[in-house]
Each structure stands twice: as structure tokens, then as C-alpha cells.
Amino acid sequence: DNLPSLDPESTEDTGSFLLHDREGHKHNFKFIFVKDISREFIMLMENPEKRIHEIQMNLFHPCMNGIVIDTSTRKAIKRLGIAIAASEVFSNGYDKTKIRTKMNEILRQIGLTDEN
């Protein structure tokens, strides 16, 4: 992906945490909230050799229109983002990004309507 770099004013680092894969390797996940309407809802940047992964969840994505972003909402979004990204990282599938890519496509469509 040729994405523009994130403006530090549009990001919020919410910390890092460790998860273990089946083989017992430690993986470091960094979680960032993004506030940029032009980016996907969830993005995963990886350095697989170092087992470092950055999860970016976009609070300004159109699918978030009409949703109050309070502490509980942020906690739920963070937990879902971690679950989705870690599942992708630990997947043994051929095209690991397929589910996240499809989810982002659907969320983009949902964000275009106020009915959902």
C-alpha cells in the first residue's frame, strides 16, 4: 500500500501488548487510533521477522458516523481490532489479508448509508 504517512496530530498511541503464537513466540502488538476519514477502518502493518505488528483503527471512518466515541466504545473497538489483527497474524492461510480486506470493503459501503 502506498499510503501517505500519518500526521502525528491524527493519531493516538494507546500502548503495546504481547501475545504468543502456537509455537510460543512472543509477538508485540502496538495499537493506534487514527483520525483520518480517508483511511481504512482497520489496517495492519507488520515486521514478521521481528514479530512486531501495528494495528491502526480509524475512529473517523464513515462507518463510525452517528456512533458516540466514549471510553466504552473505544475499549470495544480496541478489543475487536486486536482480535481481528491477531487472528490474521496467527493465521496459516495463503491470503491472510483476505478477511480484513473484505471487511473494510463492506464497512466502506455501510458508511455510505445512515440506515445501518
PDB file of N, CA and C in Angstrom:
ATOM      1  N   ASP A   1       0.827  -1.193   0.000  1.00  0.00           N
ATOM      2  CA  ASP A   1       0.000   0.000   0.000  1.00  0.00           C
ATOM      3  C   ASP A   1       0.869   1.253   0.000  1.00  0.00           C
ATOM      4  N   ASN A   2       0.586   2.174  -0.900  1.00  0.00           N
ATOM      5  CA  ASN A   2       1.286   3.443  -0.924  1.00  0.00           C
ATOM      6  C   ASN A   2       0.454   4.485  -0.190  1.00  0.00           C
ATOM      7  N   LEU A   3       0.494   4.425   1.114  1.00  0.00           N
ATOM      8  CA  LEU A   3      -0.297   5.333   1.926  1.00  0.00           C
ATOM      9  C   LEU A   3       0.540   6.526   2.336  1.00  0.00           C
ATOM     10  N   PRO A   4      -0.103   7.691   2.422  1.00  0.00           N
ATOM     11  CA  PRO A   4       0.632   8.835   2.958  1.00  0.00           C
ATOM     12  C   PRO A   4       0.944   8.567   4.426  1.00  0.00           C
ATOM     13  N   SER A   5       2.046   9.130   4.893  1.00  0.00           N
ATOM     14  CA  SER A   5       2.381   8.921   6.296  1.00  0.00           C
ATOM     15  C   SER A   5       1.345   9.609   7.173  1.00  0.00           C
ATOM     16  N   LEU A   6       1.177   9.060   8.357  1.00  0.00           N
ATOM     17  CA  LEU A   6       0.178   9.600   9.271  1.00  0.00           C
ATOM     18  C   LEU A   6       0.671  10.877   9.920  1.00  0.00           C
ATOM     19  N   ASP A   7      -0.206  11.843  10.005  1.00  0.00           N
ATOM     20  CA  ASP A   7       0.068  13.077  10.717  1.00  0.00           C
ATOM     21  C   ASP A   7       0.011  12.764  12.212  1.00  0.00           C
ATOM     22  N   PRO A   8       1.047  13.096  12.967  1.00  0.00           N
ATOM     23  CA  PRO A   8       1.036  12.805  14.409  1.00  0.00           C
ATOM     24  C   PRO A   8      -0.187  13.400  15.122  1.00  0.00           C
ATOM     25  N   GLU A   9      -0.732  14.481  14.576  1.00  0.00           N
ATOM     26  CA  GLU A   9      -1.922  15.096  15.173  1.00  0.00           C
ATOM     27  C   GLU A   9      -3.164  14.237  14.973  1.00  0.00           C
ATOM     28  N   SER A  10      -3.118  13.311  14.017  1.00  0.00           N
ATOM     29  CA  SER A  10      -4.296  12.488  13.720  1.00  0.00           C
ATOM     30  C   SER A  10      -4.160  11.067  14.267  1.00  0.00           C
ATOM     31  N   THR A  11      -3.216  10.857  15.182  1.00  0.00           N
ATOM     32  CA  THR A  11      -3.036   9.524  15.754  1.00  0.00           C
ATOM     33  C   THR A  11      -2.997   9.595  17.274  1.00  0.00           C
ATOM     34  N   GLU A  12      -3.327   8.472  17.864  1.00  0.00           N
ATOM     35  CA  GLU A  12      -3.270   8.349  19.320  1.00  0.00           C
ATOM     36  C   GLU A  12      -2.760   6.956  19.647  1.00  0.00           C
ATOM     37  N   ASP A  13      -1.540   6.885  20.141  1.00  0.00           N
ATOM     38  CA  ASP A  13      -0.929   5.617  20.514  1.00  0.00           C
ATOM     39  C   ASP A  13      -1.534   5.174  21.843  1.00  0.00           C
ATOM     40  N   THR A  14      -2.128   3.990  21.866  1.00  0.00           N
ATOM     41  CA  THR A  14      -2.761   3.516  23.099  1.00  0.00           C
ATOM     42  C   THR A  14      -1.987   2.367  23.731  1.00  0.00           C
ATOM     43  N   GLY A  15      -0.737   2.208  23.356  1.00  0.00           N
ATOM     44  CA  GLY A  15       0.111   1.226  24.021  1.00  0.00           C
ATOM     45  C   GLY A  15       0.362  -0.026  23.225  1.00  0.00           C
ATOM     46  N   SER A  16       1.176  -0.891  23.810  1.00  0.00           N
ATOM     47  CA  SER A  16       1.568  -2.152  23.197  1.00  0.00           C
ATOM     48  C   SER A  16       1.249  -3.299  24.141  1.00  0.00           C
ATOM     49  N   PHE A  17       1.174  -4.480  23.579  1.00  0.00           N
ATOM     50  CA  PHE A  17       0.917  -5.669  24.392  1.00  0.00           C
ATOM     51  C   PHE A  17       1.522  -6.871  23.688  1.00  0.00           C
ATOM     52  N   LEU A  18       1.730  -7.942  24.442  1.00  0.00           N
ATOM     53  CA  LEU A  18       2.324  -9.159  23.906  1.00  0.00           C
ATOM     54  C   LEU A  18       1.276 -10.260  23.808  1.00  0.00           C
ATOM     55  N   LEU A  19       1.330 -11.005  22.715  1.00  0.00           N
ATOM     56  CA  LEU A  19       0.542 -12.223  22.546  1.00  0.00           C
ATOM     57  C   LEU A  19       1.495 -13.311  22.072  1.00  0.00           C
ATOM     58  N   HIS A  20       1.169 -14.564  22.369  1.00  0.00           N
ATOM     59  CA  HIS A  20       2.001 -15.691  21.974  1.00  0.00           C
ATOM     60  C   HIS A  20       1.312 -16.492  20.870  1.00  0.00           C
ATOM     61  N   ASP A  21       2.107 -16.931  19.895  1.00  0.00           N
ATOM     62  CA  ASP A  21       1.561 -17.800  18.849  1.00  0.00           C
ATOM     63  C   ASP A  21       1.613 -19.252  19.329  1.00  0.00           C
ATOM     64  N   ARG A  22       1.155 -20.171  18.474  1.00  0.00           N
ATOM     65  CA  ARG A  22       1.103 -21.595  18.840  1.00  0.00           C
ATOM     66  C   ARG A  22       2.464 -22.162  19.214  1.00  0.00           C
ATOM     67  N   GLU A  23       3.498 -21.639  18.574  1.00  0.00           N
ATOM     68  CA  GLU A  23       4.850 -22.128  18.834  1.00  0.00           C
ATOM     69  C   GLU A  23       5.461 -21.498  20.082  1.00  0.00           C
ATOM     70  N   GLY A  24       4.747 -20.568  20.704  1.00  0.00           N
ATOM     71  CA  GLY A  24       5.234 -19.930  21.918  1.00  0.00           C
ATOM     72  C   GLY A  24       6.036 -18.664  21.686  1.00  0.00           C
ATOM     73  N   HIS A  25       6.157 -18.211  20.426  1.00  0.00           N
ATOM     74  CA  HIS A  25       6.880 -16.971  20.133  1.00  0.00           C
ATOM     75  C   HIS A  25       6.084 -15.772  20.644  1.00  0.00           C
ATOM     76  N   LYS A  26       6.788 -14.791  21.171  1.00  0.00           N
ATOM     77  CA  LYS A  26       6.144 -13.562  21.622  1.00  0.00           C
ATOM     78  C   LYS A  26       6.017 -12.602  20.444  1.00  0.00           C
ATOM     79  N   HIS A  27       4.823 -12.051  20.277  1.00  0.00           N
ATOM     80  CA  HIS A  27       4.563 -11.051  19.251  1.00  0.00           C
ATOM     81  C   HIS A  27       4.161  -9.754  19.944  1.00  0.00           C
ATOM     82  N   ASN A  28       4.776  -8.654  19.527  1.00  0.00           N
ATOM     83  CA  ASN A  28       4.489  -7.345  20.101  1.00  0.00           C
ATOM     84  C   ASN A  28       3.494  -6.623  19.197  1.00  0.00           C
ATOM     85  N   PHE A  29       2.339  -6.289  19.740  1.00  0.00           N
ATOM     86  CA  PHE A  29       1.302  -5.564  19.015  1.00  0.00           C
ATOM     87  C   PHE A  29       1.206  -4.150  19.556  1.00  0.00           C
ATOM     88  N   LYS A  30       1.313  -3.169  18.662  1.00  0.00           N
ATOM     89  CA  LYS A  30       1.140  -1.769  19.024  1.00  0.00           C
ATOM     90  C   LYS A  30      -0.234  -1.342  18.501  1.00  0.00           C
ATOM     91  N   PHE A  31      -1.003  -0.640  19.332  1.00  0.00           N
ATOM     92  CA  PHE A  31      -2.352  -0.247  18.936  1.00  0.00           C
ATOM     93  C   PHE A  31      -2.438   1.268  18.830  1.00  0.00           C
ATOM     94  N   ILE A  32      -2.956   1.742  17.686  1.00  0.00           N
ATOM     95  CA  ILE A  32      -3.077   3.181  17.430  1.00  0.00           C
ATOM     96  C   ILE A  32      -4.478   3.498  16.939  1.00  0.00           C
ATOM     97  N   PHE A  33      -5.085   4.520  17.538  1.00  0.00           N
ATOM     98  CA  PHE A  33      -6.317   5.069  16.986  1.00  0.00           C
ATOM     99  C   PHE A  33      -5.928   6.140  15.980  1.00  0.00           C
ATOM    100  N   VAL A  34      -6.559   6.089  14.802  1.00  0.00           N
ATOM    101  CA  VAL A  34      -6.309   7.039  13.725  1.00  0.00           C
ATOM    102  C   VAL A  34      -7.561   7.893  13.549  1.00  0.00           C
ATOM    103  N   LYS A  35      -7.367   9.155  13.217  1.00  0.00           N
ATOM    104  CA  LYS A  35      -8.486  10.066  12.970  1.00  0.00           C
ATOM    105  C   LYS A  35      -8.280  10.680  11.589  1.00  0.00           C
ATOM    106  N   ASP A  36      -8.638   9.894  10.561  1.00  0.00           N
ATOM    107  CA  ASP A  36      -8.404  10.301   9.175  1.00  0.00           C
ATOM    108  C   ASP A  36      -9.472   9.649   8.296  1.00  0.00           C
ATOM    109  N   ILE A  37     -10.419  10.439   7.832  1.00  0.00           N
ATOM    110  CA  ILE A  37     -11.564   9.920   7.072  1.00  0.00           C
ATOM    111  C   ILE A  37     -11.149   9.194   5.792  1.00  0.00           C
ATOM    112  N   SER A  38      -9.947   9.453   5.282  1.00  0.00           N
ATOM    113  CA  SER A  38      -9.521   8.870   4.005  1.00  0.00           C
ATOM    114  C   SER A  38      -8.896   7.474   4.154  1.00  0.00           C
ATOM    115  N   ARG A  39      -8.660   7.019   5.357  1.00  0.00           N
ATOM    116  CA  ARG A  39      -8.004   5.724   5.564  1.00  0.00           C
ATOM    117  C   ARG A  39      -9.021   4.628   5.858  1.00  0.00           C
ATOM    118  N   GLU A  40      -8.577   3.367   5.719  1.00  0.00           N
ATOM    119  CA  GLU A  40      -9.414   2.217   6.010  1.00  0.00           C
ATOM    120  C   GLU A  40      -9.785   2.191   7.492  1.00  0.00           C
ATOM    121  N   PHE A  41     -10.810   1.413   7.840  1.00  0.00           N
ATOM    122  CA  PHE A  41     -11.233   1.295   9.227  1.00  0.00           C
ATOM    123  C   PHE A  41     -10.174   0.581  10.073  1.00  0.00           C
ATOM    124  N   ILE A  42      -9.630  -0.499   9.527  1.00  0.00           N
ATOM    125  CA  ILE A  42      -8.573  -1.224  10.241  1.00  0.00           C
ATOM    126  C   ILE A  42      -7.431  -1.519   9.289  1.00  0.00           C
ATOM    127  N   MET A  43      -6.215  -1.259   9.778  1.00  0.00           N
ATOM    128  CA  MET A  43      -5.015  -1.548   8.995  1.00  0.00           C
ATOM    129  C   MET A  43      -4.032  -2.277   9.892  1.00  0.00           C
ATOM    130  N   LEU A  44      -3.228  -3.122   9.269  1.00  0.00           N
ATOM    131  CA  LEU A  44      -2.218  -3.882   9.997  1.00  0.00           C
ATOM    132  C   LEU A  44      -0.889  -3.724   9.283  1.00  0.00           C
ATOM    133  N   MET A  45       0.084  -3.174   9.981  1.00  0.00           N
ATOM    134  CA  MET A  45       1.443  -3.046   9.464  1.00  0.00           C
ATOM    135  C   MET A  45       2.294  -4.059  10.223  1.00  0.00           C
ATOM    136  N   GLU A  46       3.167  -4.765   9.502  1.00  0.00           N
ATOM    137  CA  GLU A  46       3.914  -5.831  10.148  1.00  0.00           C
ATOM    138  C   GLU A  46       5.393  -5.830   9.817  1.00  0.00           C
ATOM    139  N   ASN A  47       6.170  -6.310  10.777  1.00  0.00           N
ATOM    140  CA  ASN A  47       7.545  -6.718  10.558  1.00  0.00           C
ATOM    141  C   ASN A  47       7.619  -8.152  11.083  1.00  0.00           C
ATOM    142  N   PRO A  48       7.249  -9.134  10.221  1.00  0.00           N
ATOM    143  CA  PRO A  48       7.134 -10.523  10.685  1.00  0.00           C
ATOM    144  C   PRO A  48       8.429 -11.094  11.259  1.00  0.00           C
ATOM    145  N   GLU A  49       9.576 -10.711  10.698  1.00  0.00           N
ATOM    146  CA  GLU A  49      10.849 -11.247  11.185  1.00  0.00           C
ATOM    147  C   GLU A  49      11.081 -10.858  12.637  1.00  0.00           C
ATOM    148  N   LYS A  50      10.690  -9.641  13.004  1.00  0.00           N
ATOM    149  CA  LYS A  50      10.874  -9.165  14.382  1.00  0.00           C
ATOM    150  C   LYS A  50       9.642  -9.411  15.239  1.00  0.00           C
ATOM    151  N   ARG A  51       8.579  -9.963  14.613  1.00  0.00           N
ATOM    152  CA  ARG A  51       7.313 -10.222  15.303  1.00  0.00           C
ATOM    153  C   ARG A  51       6.745  -8.954  15.930  1.00  0.00           C
ATOM    154  N   ILE A  52       6.804  -7.869  15.150  1.00  0.00           N
ATOM    155  CA  ILE A  52       6.244  -6.583  15.579  1.00  0.00           C
ATOM    156  C   ILE A  52       5.091  -6.240  14.637  1.00  0.00           C
ATOM    157  N   HIS A  53       3.956  -5.874  15.221  1.00  0.00           N
ATOM    158  CA  HIS A  53       2.742  -5.618  14.451  1.00  0.00           C
ATOM    159  C   HIS A  53       2.089  -4.334  14.966  1.00  0.00           C
ATOM    160  N   GLU A  54       1.657  -3.482  14.034  1.00  0.00           N
ATOM    161  CA  GLU A  54       0.972  -2.244  14.411  1.00  0.00           C
ATOM    162  C   GLU A  54      -0.454  -2.292  13.884  1.00  0.00           C
ATOM    163  N   ILE A  55      -1.403  -2.142  14.795  1.00  0.00           N
ATOM    164  CA  ILE A  55      -2.820  -2.132  14.452  1.00  0.00           C
ATOM    165  C   ILE A  55      -3.291  -0.681  14.456  1.00  0.00           C
ATOM    166  N   GLN A  56      -3.902  -0.270  13.355  1.00  0.00           N
ATOM    167  CA  GLN A  56      -4.465   1.079  13.268  1.00  0.00           C
ATOM    168  C   GLN A  56      -5.975   0.964  13.083  1.00  0.00           C
ATOM    169  N   MET A  57      -6.722   1.544  14.014  1.00  0.00           N
ATOM    170  CA  MET A  57      -8.186   1.573  13.930  1.00  0.00           C
ATOM    171  C   MET A  57      -8.608   3.026  13.732  1.00  0.00           C
ATOM    172  N   ASN A  58      -9.422   3.272  12.710  1.00  0.00           N
ATOM    173  CA  ASN A  58      -9.776   4.621  12.307  1.00  0.00           C
ATOM    174  C   ASN A  58     -11.116   5.062  12.926  1.00  0.00           C
ATOM    175  N   LEU A  59     -11.041   5.967  13.893  1.00  0.00           N
ATOM    176  CA  LEU A  59     -12.243   6.479  14.550  1.00  0.00           C
ATOM    177  C   LEU A  59     -13.042   7.428  13.659  1.00  0.00           C
ATOM    178  N   PHE A  60     -12.420   7.961  12.606  1.00  0.00           N
ATOM    179  CA  PHE A  60     -13.102   8.908  11.709  1.00  0.00           C
ATOM    180  C   PHE A  60     -13.608   8.247  10.433  1.00  0.00           C
ATOM    181  N   HIS A  61     -13.545   6.922  10.361  1.00  0.00           N
ATOM    182  CA  HIS A  61     -14.039   6.211   9.188  1.00  0.00           C
ATOM    183  C   HIS A  61     -15.543   6.455   9.063  1.00  0.00           C
ATOM    184  N   PRO A  62     -16.070   6.570   7.832  1.00  0.00           N
ATOM    185  CA  PRO A  62     -17.509   6.821   7.657  1.00  0.00           C
ATOM    186  C   PRO A  62     -18.420   5.818   8.357  1.00  0.00           C
ATOM    187  N   CYS A  63     -17.967   4.581   8.563  1.00  0.00           N
ATOM    188  CA  CYS A  63     -18.818   3.603   9.254  1.00  0.00           C
ATOM    189  C   CYS A  63     -19.028   3.971  10.718  1.00  0.00           C
ATOM    190  N   MET A  64     -18.253   4.916  11.222  1.00  0.00           N
ATOM    191  CA  MET A  64     -18.387   5.356  12.611  1.00  0.00           C
ATOM    192  C   MET A  64     -19.340   6.544  12.753  1.00  0.00           C
ATOM    193  N   ASN A  65     -19.868   7.048  11.621  1.00  0.00           N
ATOM    194  CA  ASN A  65     -20.808   8.166  11.679  1.00  0.00           C
ATOM    195  C   ASN A  65     -21.990   7.816  12.571  1.00  0.00           C
ATOM    196  N   GLY A  66     -22.361   8.732  13.445  1.00  0.00           N
ATOM    197  CA  GLY A  66     -23.513   8.533  14.316  1.00  0.00           C
ATOM    198  C   GLY A  66     -23.226   7.704  15.552  1.00  0.00           C
ATOM    199  N   ILE A  67     -21.997   7.268  15.731  1.00  0.00           N
ATOM    200  CA  ILE A  67     -21.618   6.487  16.913  1.00  0.00           C
ATOM    201  C   ILE A  67     -20.860   7.403  17.871  1.00  0.00           C
ATOM    202  N   VAL A  68     -21.302   7.436  19.110  1.00  0.00           N
ATOM    203  CA  VAL A  68     -20.637   8.240  20.130  1.00  0.00           C
ATOM    204  C   VAL A  68     -19.350   7.531  20.529  1.00  0.00           C
ATOM    205  N   ILE A  69     -18.245   8.247  20.412  1.00  0.00           N
ATOM    206  CA  ILE A  69     -16.945   7.671  20.747  1.00  0.00           C
ATOM    207  C   ILE A  69     -16.613   8.044  22.188  1.00  0.00           C
ATOM    208  N   ASP A  70     -17.004   7.167  23.107  1.00  0.00           N
ATOM    209  CA  ASP A  70     -16.679   7.382  24.511  1.00  0.00           C
ATOM    210  C   ASP A  70     -15.681   6.305  24.950  1.00  0.00           C
ATOM    211  N   THR A  71     -15.384   6.253  26.228  1.00  0.00           N
ATOM    212  CA  THR A  71     -14.397   5.299  26.731  1.00  0.00           C
ATOM    213  C   THR A  71     -14.796   3.854  26.442  1.00  0.00           C
ATOM    214  N   SER A  72     -16.066   3.532  26.630  1.00  0.00           N
ATOM    215  CA  SER A  72     -16.530   2.157  26.392  1.00  0.00           C
ATOM    216  C   SER A  72     -16.453   1.794  24.913  1.00  0.00           C
ATOM    217  N   THR A  73     -16.838   2.729  24.049  1.00  0.00           N
ATOM    218  CA  THR A  73     -16.770   2.486  22.603  1.00  0.00           C
ATOM    219  C   THR A  73     -15.331   2.247  22.184  1.00  0.00           C
ATOM    220  N   ARG A  74     -14.423   3.062  22.692  1.00  0.00           N
ATOM    221  CA  ARG A  74     -13.010   2.924  22.352  1.00  0.00           C
ATOM    222  C   ARG A  74     -12.473   1.566  22.814  1.00  0.00           C
ATOM    223  N   LYS A  75     -12.885   1.135  24.001  1.00  0.00           N
ATOM    224  CA  LYS A  75     -12.442  -0.150  24.528  1.00  0.00           C
ATOM    225  C   LYS A  75     -12.942  -1.288  23.641  1.00  0.00           C
ATOM    226  N   ALA A  76     -14.210  -1.206  23.221  1.00  0.00           N
ATOM    227  CA  ALA A  76     -14.783  -2.248  22.350  1.00  0.00           C
ATOM    228  C   ALA A  76     -14.080  -2.273  20.996  1.00  0.00           C
ATOM    229  N   ILE A  77     -13.842  -1.105  20.412  1.00  0.00           N
ATOM    230  CA  ILE A  77     -13.159  -1.025  19.114  1.00  0.00           C
ATOM    231  C   ILE A  77     -11.748  -1.590  19.233  1.00  0.00           C
ATOM    232  N   LYS A  78     -11.065  -1.255  20.309  1.00  0.00           N
ATOM    233  CA  LYS A  78      -9.699  -1.756  20.511  1.00  0.00           C
ATOM    234  C   LYS A  78      -9.696  -3.278  20.634  1.00  0.00           C
ATOM    235  N   ARG A  79     -10.604  -3.836  21.415  1.00  0.00           N
ATOM    236  CA  ARG A  79     -10.654  -5.294  21.586  1.00  0.00           C
ATOM    237  C   ARG A  79     -10.948  -6.000  20.277  1.00  0.00           C
ATOM    238  N   LEU A  80     -11.904  -5.458  19.500  1.00  0.00           N
ATOM    239  CA  LEU A  80     -12.212  -6.061  18.200  1.00  0.00           C
ATOM    240  C   LEU A  80     -11.026  -5.955  17.246  1.00  0.00           C
ATOM    241  N   GLY A  81     -10.371  -4.808  17.238  1.00  0.00           N
ATOM    242  CA  GLY A  81      -9.205  -4.622  16.378  1.00  0.00           C
ATOM    243  C   GLY A  81      -8.090  -5.587  16.702  1.00  0.00           C
ATOM    244  N   ILE A  82      -7.845  -5.778  17.995  1.00  0.00           N
ATOM    245  CA  ILE A  82      -6.811  -6.724  18.419  1.00  0.00           C
ATOM    246  C   ILE A  82      -7.179  -8.133  17.982  1.00  0.00           C
ATOM    247  N   ALA A  83      -8.434  -8.517  18.185  1.00  0.00           N
ATOM    248  CA  ALA A  83      -8.871  -9.867  17.811  1.00  0.00           C
ATOM    249  C   ALA A  83      -8.738 -10.100  16.307  1.00  0.00           C
ATOM    250  N   ILE A  84      -9.157  -9.124  15.515  1.00  0.00           N
ATOM    251  CA  ILE A  84      -9.086  -9.265  14.055  1.00  0.00           C
ATOM    252  C   ILE A  84      -7.632  -9.335  13.591  1.00  0.00           C
ATOM    253  N   ALA A  85      -6.816  -8.397  14.058  1.00  0.00           N
ATOM    254  CA  ALA A  85      -5.425  -8.336  13.604  1.00  0.00           C
ATOM    255  C   ALA A  85      -4.623  -9.548  14.074  1.00  0.00           C
ATOM    256  N   ALA A  86      -4.775  -9.938  15.336  1.00  0.00           N
ATOM    257  CA  ALA A  86      -4.023 -11.089  15.839  1.00  0.00           C
ATOM    258  C   ALA A  86      -4.454 -12.366  15.126  1.00  0.00           C
ATOM    259  N   SER A  87      -5.735 -12.492  14.818  1.00  0.00           N
ATOM    260  CA  SER A  87      -6.204 -13.660  14.065  1.00  0.00           C
ATOM    261  C   SER A  87      -5.533 -13.718  12.707  1.00  0.00           C
ATOM    262  N   GLU A  88      -5.385 -12.568  12.080  1.00  0.00           N
ATOM    263  CA  GLU A  88      -4.708 -12.517  10.783  1.00  0.00           C
ATOM    264  C   GLU A  88      -3.232 -12.870  10.923  1.00  0.00           C
ATOM    265  N   VAL A  89      -2.568 -12.301  11.921  1.00  0.00           N
ATOM    266  CA  VAL A  89      -1.139 -12.563  12.130  1.00  0.00           C
ATOM    267  C   VAL A  89      -0.892 -14.049  12.378  1.00  0.00           C
ATOM    268  N   PHE A  90      -1.744 -14.674  13.183  1.00  0.00           N
ATOM    269  CA  PHE A  90      -1.526 -16.061  13.570  1.00  0.00           C
ATOM    270  C   PHE A  90      -2.153 -17.067  12.602  1.00  0.00           C
ATOM    271  N   SER A  91      -2.794 -16.580  11.552  1.00  0.00           N
ATOM    272  CA  SER A  91      -3.412 -17.459  10.564  1.00  0.00           C
ATOM    273  C   SER A  91      -2.338 -18.129   9.725  1.00  0.00           C
ATOM    274  N   ASN A  92      -2.618 -19.359   9.316  1.00  0.00           N
ATOM    275  CA  ASN A  92      -1.710 -20.082   8.432  1.00  0.00           C
ATOM    276  C   ASN A  92      -2.187 -20.073   6.987  1.00  0.00           C
ATOM    277  N   GLY A  93      -3.218 -19.282   6.707  1.00  0.00           N
ATOM    278  CA  GLY A  93      -3.806 -19.259   5.376  1.00  0.00           C
ATOM    279  C   GLY A  93      -2.906 -18.645   4.326  1.00  0.00           C
ATOM    280  N   TYR A  94      -3.233 -18.932   3.076  1.00  0.00           N
ATOM    281  CA  TYR A  94      -2.457 -18.426   1.940  1.00  0.00           C
ATOM    282  C   TYR A  94      -2.588 -16.917   1.820  1.00  0.00           C
ATOM    283  N   ASP A  95      -3.831 -16.404   1.852  1.00  0.00           N
ATOM    284  CA  ASP A  95      -4.062 -14.964   1.726  1.00  0.00           C
ATOM    285  C   ASP A  95      -4.604 -14.453   3.056  1.00  0.00           C
ATOM    286  N   LYS A  96      -3.702 -14.142   3.967  1.00  0.00           N
ATOM    287  CA  LYS A  96      -4.071 -13.771   5.319  1.00  0.00           C
ATOM    288  C   LYS A  96      -4.866 -12.476   5.390  1.00  0.00           C
ATOM    289  N   THR A  97      -4.726 -11.606   4.405  1.00  0.00           N
ATOM    290  CA  THR A  97      -5.384 -10.297   4.460  1.00  0.00           C
ATOM    291  C   THR A  97      -6.802 -10.323   3.904  1.00  0.00           C
ATOM    292  N   LYS A  98      -7.219 -11.452   3.360  1.00  0.00           N
ATOM    293  CA  LYS A  98      -8.498 -11.525   2.646  1.00  0.00           C
ATOM    294  C   LYS A  98      -9.690 -11.089   3.507  1.00  0.00           C
ATOM    295  N   ILE A  99      -9.795 -11.572   4.716  1.00  0.00           N
ATOM    296  CA  ILE A  99     -10.947 -11.244   5.560  1.00  0.00           C
ATOM    297  C   ILE A  99     -10.941  -9.764   5.932  1.00  0.00           C
ATOM    298  N   ARG A 100      -9.782  -9.232   6.348  1.00  0.00           N
ATOM    299  CA  ARG A 100      -9.703  -7.811   6.719  1.00  0.00           C
ATOM    300  C   ARG A 100     -10.017  -6.920   5.522  1.00  0.00           C
ATOM    301  N   THR A 101      -9.519  -7.280   4.345  1.00  0.00           N
ATOM    302  CA  THR A 101      -9.785  -6.503   3.131  1.00  0.00           C
ATOM    303  C   THR A 101     -11.274  -6.495   2.807  1.00  0.00           C
ATOM    304  N   LYS A 102     -11.899  -7.664   2.871  1.00  0.00           N
ATOM    305  CA  LYS A 102     -13.339  -7.765   2.597  1.00  0.00           C
ATOM    306  C   LYS A 102     -14.136  -6.981   3.638  1.00  0.00           C
ATOM    307  N   MET A 103     -13.747  -7.073   4.900  1.00  0.00           N
ATOM    308  CA  MET A 103     -14.433  -6.341   5.962  1.00  0.00           C
ATOM    309  C   MET A 103     -14.360  -4.828   5.715  1.00  0.00           C
ATOM    310  N   ASN A 104     -13.182  -4.338   5.325  1.00  0.00           N
ATOM    311  CA  ASN A 104     -13.035  -2.910   5.042  1.00  0.00           C
ATOM    312  C   ASN A 104     -13.923  -2.483   3.871  1.00  0.00           C
ATOM    313  N   GLU A 105     -14.039  -3.339   2.843  1.00  0.00           N
ATOM    314  CA  GLU A 105     -14.920  -3.026   1.709  1.00  0.00           C
ATOM    315  C   GLU A 105     -16.368  -2.898   2.172  1.00  0.00           C
ATOM    316  N   ILE A 106     -16.810  -3.832   2.998  1.00  0.00           N
ATOM    317  CA  ILE A 106     -18.189  -3.808   3.490  1.00  0.00           C
ATOM    318  C   ILE A 106     -18.418  -2.594   4.380  1.00  0.00           C
ATOM    319  N   LEU A 107     -17.482  -2.294   5.266  1.00  0.00           N
ATOM    320  CA  LEU A 107     -17.629  -1.138   6.157  1.00  0.00           C
ATOM    321  C   LEU A 107     -17.663   0.176   5.374  1.00  0.00           C
ATOM    322  N   ARG A 108     -16.926   0.229   4.254  1.00  0.00           N
ATOM    323  CA  ARG A 108     -16.961   1.423   3.406  1.00  0.00           C
ATOM    324  C   ARG A 108     -18.363   1.608   2.853  1.00  0.00           C
ATOM    325  N   GLN A 109     -18.999   0.498   2.414  1.00  0.00           N
ATOM    326  CA  GLN A 109     -20.366   0.563   1.891  1.00  0.00           C
ATOM    327  C   GLN A 109     -21.354   0.971   2.982  1.00  0.00           C
ATOM    328  N   ILE A 110     -21.203   0.380   4.173  1.00  0.00           N
ATOM    329  CA  ILE A 110     -22.089   0.715   5.284  1.00  0.00           C
ATOM    330  C   ILE A 110     -21.967   2.190   5.634  1.00  0.00           C
ATOM    331  N   GLY A 111     -20.745   2.710   5.584  1.00  0.00           N
ATOM    332  CA  GLY A 111     -20.510   4.111   5.917  1.00  0.00           C
ATOM    333  C   GLY A 111     -21.173   5.086   4.969  1.00  0.00           C
ATOM    334  N   LEU A 112     -21.578   4.596   3.797  1.00  0.00           N
ATOM    335  CA  LEU A 112     -22.215   5.470   2.803  1.00  0.00           C
ATOM    336  C   LEU A 112     -23.711   5.652   3.055  1.00  0.00           C
ATOM    337  N   THR A 113     -24.273   4.867   3.960  1.00  0.00           N
ATOM    338  CA  THR A 113     -25.705   4.975   4.268  1.00  0.00           C
ATOM    339  C   THR A 113     -25.875   5.260   5.755  1.00  0.00           C
ATOM    340  N   ASP A 114     -26.982   5.871   6.105  1.00  0.00           N
ATOM    341  CA  ASP A 114     -27.282   6.131   7.516  1.00  0.00           C
ATOM    342  C   ASP A 114     -28.242   5.094   8.081  1.00  0.00           C
ATOM    343  N   GLU A 115     -28.628   4.129   7.257  1.00  0.00           N
ATOM    344  CA  GLU A 115     -29.657   3.169   7.651  1.00  0.00           C
ATOM    345  C   GLU A 115     -29.130   2.112   8.611  1.00  0.00           C
ATOM    346  N   ASN A 116     -27.831   1.841   8.591  1.00  0.00           N
ATOM    347  CA  ASN A 116     -27.272   0.760   9.415  1.00  0.00           C
ATOM    348  C   ASN A 116     -26.724   1.320  10.684  1.00  0.00           C
TER     349      ASN A 116
END
